[in-house]
Amino acid sequence: MAKKIAPCLVNLIFFSSVLFSVEATASSKRRIPIHLIREINHDGPYIGLITVYPPEEAGFFATEAFEPHQTHPFVDLSGRRFRVGKVHGKRVIFVKCGVGMVNAAAATQQMVDMFDIKGIIHFGIAGNVNNSMSIGDVTIPEQFAHTGIWDWMNPNGTLPTADVAELRFGSYNIPKGKEMNKLGHIGYNYEQFFSLSGKPNRDQPLFWVPVTRNWLHLASNLKGLELEQCVNSSFCLPRKPKLVMGLRGSTANIFVDNAAYRDFLYKTFGVSSVDMESSAVVMTSLSNGCPVIVIRGLSDLAGNQKGQNPIQIFGPLAATNAAKAVVQFVKILPQ
């Protein structure tokens, strides 16, 4: 654990050394509250908690596990509010990053740059693409792929040999018969991964991004966690939600609500959940040498439902179940 935490501290020390020059040159409206951040970090290190949008934030605070810092309950940076406090006696800093991979990566990098962070827990809701799972279940995947880096080719174009997979639009023509489609086909490419442990300015091709293994092993103790089944007193899911470990997740700047694409993702990549942030948080954390884990509640069927997507109905329930798992994971984390 210590070896993984140290690079995070290196980032913090470096960034602190340039804060004076940043403060001197920035306008008063954009000034970084350096003294406040120093006082907060004096009490560290902290566990970083990163969620995405208001229903997930509401689900977390509804657990009533978060105790705000008495003198420094929050600090505002770049339009985001970083909330300082404790969960089960463990020091945490919570932030709502906003939807999408850019927001997720930016908030994660700012978290590890500005604060004394010993690890990141990312959580929220996700679409379910695995028919063996159900809405309300909580998934803690072992790895994620960014499935939004595409080589979009003409119908007769040749994909780069390094591409991981291919999606041919013609295969989904109705009626079937002619496989030609002007949208052509898509090849799925790799991320370019830079890290403290690698050579400077030298990227490593990476498709599957793993969460921290010892944290994943620790999270296995959450199996059997009691999860919420009912949206309200008169509307409940048909079966009790469960917590599932060690599957795969897909991330892209795409809200998936299409049964055919859902089926393609599951069959091609073996993923069980789809979201718009997790891969970015995991990759940014690992780039900085910080332990990271992802906990997601399943809010919808990613297009496999009849009628409208039920995310508005079950999203808050899924967010609540994810938040309950987060609180319990923080509880069992060593000091």
Protein backbone atom coordinates (compact mmCIF):
# COMPACT_ATOMS: atom_id res chain seq x y z
CA MET A 1 0.00 0.00 0.00
CA ALA A 2 2.76 2.44 0.94
CA LYS A 3 4.48 2.03 -2.42
CA LYS A 4 1.26 2.90 -4.21
CA ILE A 5 0.48 5.92 -2.06
CA ALA A 6 3.90 7.54 -2.32
CA PRO A 7 3.52 8.80 -5.93
CA CYS A 8 0.29 10.57 -4.94
CA LEU A 9 2.26 12.42 -2.29
CA VAL A 10 4.94 13.32 -4.82
CA ASN A 11 2.27 14.97 -6.96
CA LEU A 12 0.94 16.84 -3.93
CA ILE A 13 4.38 18.14 -2.91
CA PHE A 14 5.16 19.27 -6.45
CA PHE A 15 1.83 21.01 -6.87
CA SER A 16 2.11 22.73 -3.50
CA SER A 17 5.46 24.15 -4.52
CA VAL A 18 3.92 25.97 -7.49
CA LEU A 19 0.79 27.19 -5.72
CA PHE A 20 2.52 30.41 -4.65
CA SER A 21 3.33 31.35 -8.24
CA VAL A 22 -0.17 30.37 -9.39
CA GLU A 23 -1.75 32.52 -6.71
CA ALA A 24 0.48 35.46 -7.56
CA THR A 25 -0.45 35.43 -11.24
CA ALA A 26 -4.13 34.44 -11.08
CA SER A 27 -6.92 36.96 -10.86
CA SER A 28 -8.67 37.32 -7.52
CA LYS A 29 -11.70 35.43 -8.87
CA ARG A 30 -9.59 32.41 -9.76
CA ARG A 31 -7.22 32.43 -6.84
CA ILE A 32 -6.51 29.06 -5.25
CA PRO A 33 -7.15 29.14 -1.46
CA ILE A 34 -3.67 27.88 -0.65
CA HIS A 35 -3.83 28.43 3.11
CA LEU A 36 -7.13 26.60 3.39
CA ILE A 37 -5.82 23.67 1.35
CA ARG A 38 -2.68 23.49 3.50
CA GLU A 39 -4.77 23.38 6.66
CA ILE A 40 -6.96 20.64 5.20
CA ASN A 41 -3.97 18.59 4.09
CA HIS A 42 -2.39 18.95 7.52
CA ASP A 43 -5.09 16.56 8.77
CA GLY A 44 -4.62 14.09 5.89
CA PRO A 45 -4.25 11.74 4.20
CA TYR A 46 -7.79 11.36 2.86
CA ILE A 47 -9.81 8.88 0.85
CA GLY A 48 -11.15 10.57 -2.28
CA LEU A 49 -14.84 9.93 -3.04
CA ILE A 50 -15.91 10.83 -6.59
CA THR A 51 -19.48 10.58 -7.85
CA VAL A 52 -21.09 12.07 -10.96
CA TYR A 53 -24.48 13.79 -10.76
CA PRO A 54 -27.11 14.99 -8.25
CA PRO A 55 -29.10 11.74 -7.62
CA GLU A 56 -25.85 9.94 -6.75
CA GLU A 57 -24.77 12.78 -4.49
CA ALA A 58 -28.18 12.72 -2.80
CA GLY A 59 -27.96 8.95 -2.32
CA PHE A 60 -24.59 9.30 -0.62
CA PHE A 61 -25.64 12.05 1.81
CA ALA A 62 -28.90 10.21 2.55
CA THR A 63 -26.82 7.48 4.25
CA GLU A 64 -25.99 10.12 6.91
CA ALA A 65 -22.55 8.56 7.19
CA PHE A 66 -20.71 11.73 6.14
CA GLU A 67 -19.64 14.04 8.98
CA PRO A 68 -18.45 17.44 7.69
CA HIS A 69 -15.20 18.92 8.98
CA GLN A 70 -16.07 21.35 11.78
CA THR A 71 -13.91 24.25 10.62
CA HIS A 72 -13.25 23.48 6.93
CA PRO A 73 -16.32 21.64 5.59
CA PHE A 74 -15.53 22.35 1.93
CA VAL A 75 -13.32 24.15 -0.56
CA ASP A 76 -14.46 25.33 -4.01
CA LEU A 77 -12.07 24.75 -6.92
CA SER A 78 -12.77 25.31 -10.62
CA GLY A 79 -16.50 25.35 -10.03
CA ARG A 80 -16.57 22.09 -8.04
CA ARG A 81 -17.17 21.82 -4.30
CA PHE A 82 -14.78 19.44 -2.55
CA ARG A 83 -16.41 18.46 0.74
CA VAL A 84 -14.13 17.56 3.64
CA GLY A 85 -15.18 15.25 6.45
CA LYS A 86 -15.25 11.72 7.83
CA VAL A 87 -17.07 8.45 7.17
CA HIS A 88 -16.86 5.88 9.96
CA GLY A 89 -13.96 7.82 11.43
CA LYS A 90 -11.98 7.76 8.15
CA ARG A 91 -11.00 11.12 6.63
CA VAL A 92 -12.60 11.65 3.22
CA ILE A 93 -12.92 14.33 0.56
CA PHE A 94 -16.06 14.08 -1.58
CA VAL A 95 -16.68 15.70 -4.98
CA LYS A 96 -19.36 15.52 -7.66
CA CYS A 97 -17.38 15.52 -10.92
CA GLY A 98 -20.13 15.94 -13.55
CA VAL A 99 -21.15 13.71 -16.46
CA GLY A 100 -18.61 12.41 -18.99
CA MET A 101 -14.99 11.37 -19.21
CA VAL A 102 -13.48 14.87 -19.39
CA ASN A 103 -15.25 15.93 -16.18
CA ALA A 104 -14.28 12.66 -14.49
CA ALA A 105 -10.60 12.89 -15.42
CA ALA A 106 -10.37 16.60 -14.56
CA ALA A 107 -11.93 16.15 -11.11
CA THR A 108 -9.75 13.12 -10.36
CA GLN A 109 -6.55 14.89 -11.37
CA GLN A 110 -7.50 17.94 -9.35
CA MET A 111 -8.26 15.73 -6.36
CA VAL A 112 -4.83 14.08 -6.35
CA ASP A 113 -2.99 17.31 -7.21
CA MET A 114 -4.53 19.51 -4.55
CA PHE A 115 -5.16 17.17 -1.64
CA ASP A 116 -3.28 14.54 0.36
CA ILE A 117 -5.11 11.53 -1.14
CA LYS A 118 -4.30 7.91 -0.36
CA GLY A 119 -6.81 6.36 -2.75
CA ILE A 120 -9.93 6.99 -4.84
CA ILE A 121 -13.39 5.41 -4.57
CA HIS A 122 -15.52 6.18 -7.61
CA PHE A 123 -19.23 5.40 -7.46
CA GLY A 124 -22.59 6.02 -9.07
CA ILE A 125 -25.08 4.30 -11.35
CA ALA A 126 -24.62 2.32 -14.56
CA GLY A 127 -26.56 0.56 -17.30
CA ASN A 128 -26.87 -3.23 -17.09
CA VAL A 129 -25.82 -5.23 -20.17
CA ASN A 130 -25.59 -8.65 -18.47
CA ASN A 131 -28.84 -10.64 -18.47
CA SER A 132 -27.75 -12.56 -15.37
CA MET A 133 -27.90 -9.31 -13.39
CA SER A 134 -30.83 -7.05 -12.51
CA ILE A 135 -31.70 -3.43 -11.88
CA GLY A 136 -30.74 -2.53 -8.32
CA ASP A 137 -27.71 -4.85 -8.23
CA VAL A 138 -24.33 -3.37 -7.33
CA THR A 139 -21.27 -4.22 -9.40
CA ILE A 140 -17.62 -3.79 -8.36
CA PRO A 141 -15.75 -4.55 -11.61
CA GLU A 142 -12.14 -5.66 -11.80
CA GLN A 143 -11.39 -3.75 -15.00
CA PHE A 144 -12.77 -1.22 -17.47
CA ALA A 145 -12.39 -0.48 -21.16
CA HIS A 146 -12.83 2.87 -22.87
CA THR A 147 -15.05 1.73 -25.75
CA GLY A 148 -15.34 5.16 -27.32
CA ILE A 149 -11.99 5.46 -29.12
CA TRP A 150 -13.06 4.64 -32.67
CA ASP A 151 -11.50 4.36 -36.09
CA TRP A 152 -14.61 5.12 -38.18
CA MET A 153 -14.04 3.76 -41.67
CA ASN A 154 -15.79 3.96 -45.02
CA PRO A 155 -17.73 0.81 -46.06
CA ASN A 156 -14.75 -0.61 -47.96
CA GLY A 157 -12.11 0.85 -45.65
CA THR A 158 -9.53 -1.33 -43.90
CA LEU A 159 -9.29 -1.12 -40.14
CA PRO A 160 -5.88 -0.61 -38.51
CA THR A 161 -4.42 -3.98 -37.55
CA ALA A 162 -4.04 -2.89 -33.92
CA ASP A 163 -7.78 -2.39 -33.39
CA VAL A 164 -9.28 -4.59 -30.71
CA ALA A 165 -12.72 -5.20 -32.22
CA GLU A 166 -14.98 -4.23 -35.10
CA LEU A 167 -18.60 -3.11 -35.40
CA ARG A 168 -20.13 -3.34 -38.90
CA PHE A 169 -23.26 -1.24 -39.28
CA GLY A 170 -24.34 -3.33 -42.26
CA SER A 171 -24.80 -6.32 -39.96
CA TYR A 172 -27.76 -4.50 -38.42
CA ASN A 173 -29.59 -3.57 -41.65
CA ILE A 174 -33.31 -4.26 -41.83
CA PRO A 175 -34.27 -6.14 -43.93
CA LYS A 176 -31.13 -8.24 -43.96
CA GLY A 177 -29.51 -9.29 -47.18
CA LYS A 178 -27.35 -6.40 -48.34
CA GLU A 179 -24.54 -5.81 -45.88
CA MET A 180 -23.47 -2.47 -47.37
CA ASN A 181 -24.21 0.56 -45.19
CA LYS A 182 -22.89 4.07 -45.83
CA LEU A 183 -21.98 4.42 -42.16
CA GLY A 184 -19.32 1.75 -42.83
CA HIS A 185 -17.70 0.17 -39.81
CA ILE A 186 -15.93 1.06 -36.58
CA GLY A 187 -12.72 -0.27 -35.09
CA TYR A 188 -12.11 -0.03 -31.34
CA ASN A 189 -8.70 1.37 -30.50
CA TYR A 190 -6.47 1.55 -27.41
CA GLU A 191 -5.96 4.30 -24.85
CA GLN A 192 -2.51 5.88 -24.56
CA PHE A 193 -1.51 5.42 -20.92
CA PHE A 194 1.09 7.62 -19.24
CA SER A 195 2.19 6.95 -15.67
CA LEU A 196 4.70 7.89 -12.99
CA SER A 197 6.18 4.41 -13.21
CA GLY A 198 6.74 4.64 -16.97
CA LYS A 199 9.30 6.53 -19.00
CA PRO A 200 8.58 10.26 -19.42
CA ASN A 201 6.65 11.17 -22.57
CA ARG A 202 6.36 7.49 -23.48
CA ASP A 203 2.84 6.09 -23.68
CA GLN A 204 1.73 2.49 -23.20
CA PRO A 205 -1.16 1.13 -25.29
CA LEU A 206 -3.87 0.02 -22.91
CA PHE A 207 -7.39 -1.26 -23.50
CA TRP A 208 -8.37 -2.87 -20.18
CA VAL A 209 -7.67 -0.67 -17.17
CA PRO A 210 -7.63 -2.59 -13.85
CA VAL A 211 -8.75 -1.35 -10.46
CA THR A 212 -6.41 -1.88 -7.51
CA ARG A 213 -6.30 -5.60 -6.76
CA ASN A 214 -5.91 -5.50 -2.98
CA TRP A 215 -8.84 -3.08 -2.70
CA LEU A 216 -10.91 -5.39 -4.91
CA HIS A 217 -9.99 -8.30 -2.66
CA LEU A 218 -10.99 -6.28 0.42
CA ALA A 219 -14.31 -5.38 -1.23
CA SER A 220 -15.16 -9.09 -1.51
CA ASN A 221 -16.06 -8.82 2.18
CA LEU A 222 -19.10 -6.78 1.12
CA LYS A 223 -20.83 -9.80 -0.43
CA GLY A 224 -24.17 -10.33 1.24
CA LEU A 225 -24.58 -6.61 1.97
CA GLU A 226 -28.26 -5.78 2.51
CA LEU A 227 -29.39 -3.60 -0.41
CA GLU A 228 -32.59 -1.65 -0.97
CA GLN A 229 -35.33 -3.39 -2.98
CA CYS A 230 -38.11 -0.79 -2.95
CA VAL A 231 -38.38 2.61 -4.62
CA ASN A 232 -41.10 3.47 -2.12
CA SER A 233 -43.59 1.69 0.14
CA SER A 234 -45.75 0.55 -2.77
CA PHE A 235 -43.23 -0.06 -5.58
CA CYS A 236 -40.53 -2.73 -5.23
CA LEU A 237 -38.24 -4.72 -7.48
CA PRO A 238 -39.34 -8.33 -8.07
CA ARG A 239 -36.24 -9.74 -6.36
CA LYS A 240 -33.68 -8.69 -3.80
CA PRO A 241 -30.67 -6.87 -5.32
CA LYS A 242 -27.22 -8.43 -4.92
CA LEU A 243 -23.62 -7.27 -4.95
CA VAL A 244 -21.42 -8.81 -7.66
CA MET A 245 -17.61 -8.72 -7.79
CA GLY A 246 -14.95 -8.96 -10.45
CA LEU A 247 -16.77 -8.37 -13.75
CA ARG A 248 -15.91 -5.98 -16.57
CA GLY A 249 -17.24 -2.51 -17.31
CA SER A 250 -17.40 -0.32 -20.42
CA THR A 251 -17.00 3.46 -20.40
CA ALA A 252 -17.61 5.95 -23.21
CA ASN A 253 -19.14 9.40 -23.68
CA ILE A 254 -22.30 7.63 -24.80
CA PHE A 255 -25.51 6.95 -22.91
CA VAL A 256 -26.37 3.45 -24.11
CA ASP A 257 -30.10 2.92 -24.62
CA ASN A 258 -30.03 0.55 -27.58
CA ALA A 259 -30.63 -3.20 -27.35
CA ALA A 260 -28.51 -4.10 -30.39
CA TYR A 261 -25.48 -2.13 -29.20
CA ARG A 262 -25.97 -3.49 -25.67
CA ASP A 263 -25.84 -7.01 -27.07
CA PHE A 264 -22.75 -6.17 -29.16
CA LEU A 265 -20.86 -4.81 -26.13
CA TYR A 266 -21.67 -7.86 -24.03
CA LYS A 267 -20.76 -10.41 -26.72
CA THR A 268 -17.67 -8.59 -27.99
CA PHE A 269 -16.05 -7.36 -24.79
CA GLY A 270 -17.75 -9.42 -22.08
CA VAL A 271 -18.75 -6.33 -20.12
CA SER A 272 -21.61 -6.31 -17.63
CA SER A 273 -22.10 -2.56 -17.11
CA VAL A 274 -21.88 0.64 -19.13
CA ASP A 275 -21.23 4.15 -17.84
CA MET A 276 -19.65 7.43 -18.88
CA GLU A 277 -16.90 8.04 -16.29
CA SER A 278 -15.34 5.00 -14.62
CA SER A 279 -12.52 4.28 -17.06
CA ALA A 280 -11.41 7.93 -16.88
CA VAL A 281 -11.30 7.91 -13.06
CA VAL A 282 -9.44 4.58 -12.94
CA MET A 283 -6.92 5.53 -15.61
CA THR A 284 -6.21 8.96 -14.07
CA SER A 285 -5.79 7.43 -10.62
CA LEU A 286 -3.40 4.77 -11.88
CA SER A 287 -1.45 7.38 -13.85
CA ASN A 288 -0.78 9.11 -10.54
CA GLY A 289 0.01 5.91 -8.65
CA CYS A 290 -3.15 6.06 -6.50
CA PRO A 291 -5.20 3.02 -5.48
CA VAL A 292 -8.68 3.05 -7.00
CA ILE A 293 -11.92 1.08 -6.95
CA VAL A 294 -15.30 1.55 -8.66
CA ILE A 295 -18.74 0.77 -7.19
CA ARG A 296 -21.78 1.12 -9.45
CA GLY A 297 -25.49 0.46 -8.92
CA LEU A 298 -27.43 -0.80 -11.97
CA SER A 299 -30.21 1.64 -12.84
CA ASP A 300 -31.51 0.43 -16.21
CA LEU A 301 -31.16 -2.21 -18.95
CA ALA A 302 -29.26 -0.05 -21.46
CA GLY A 303 -32.02 -0.36 -24.08
CA ASN A 304 -33.20 -3.92 -23.48
CA GLN A 305 -36.41 -2.76 -21.81
CA LYS A 306 -39.87 -2.42 -23.31
CA GLY A 307 -40.88 1.22 -23.59
CA GLN A 308 -39.03 4.10 -21.97
CA ASN A 309 -35.73 3.71 -20.18
CA PRO A 310 -36.53 3.31 -16.45
CA ILE A 311 -33.50 5.24 -15.21
CA GLN A 312 -35.69 8.05 -13.86
CA ILE A 313 -37.58 5.51 -11.74
CA PHE A 314 -34.76 3.25 -10.58
CA GLY A 315 -31.79 5.64 -10.77
CA PRO A 316 -32.21 6.90 -7.19
CA LEU A 317 -32.57 3.32 -5.90
CA ALA A 318 -29.41 2.23 -7.74
CA ALA A 319 -27.57 5.30 -6.42
CA THR A 320 -28.67 4.47 -2.86
CA ASN A 321 -27.40 0.90 -3.15
CA ALA A 322 -24.06 2.03 -4.57
CA ALA A 323 -23.71 4.59 -1.74
CA LYS A 324 -24.46 1.93 0.90
CA ALA A 325 -21.65 -0.23 -0.53
CA VAL A 326 -19.27 2.75 -0.57
CA VAL A 327 -19.95 3.55 3.09
CA GLN A 328 -19.34 -0.06 4.10
CA PHE A 329 -16.16 -0.25 2.03
CA VAL A 330 -14.79 2.87 3.72
CA LYS A 331 -15.64 1.25 7.07
CA ILE A 332 -13.50 -1.83 6.37
CA LEU A 333 -10.58 0.07 4.83
CA PRO A 334 -7.53 0.02 7.12
CA GLN A 335 -6.56 3.35 8.71
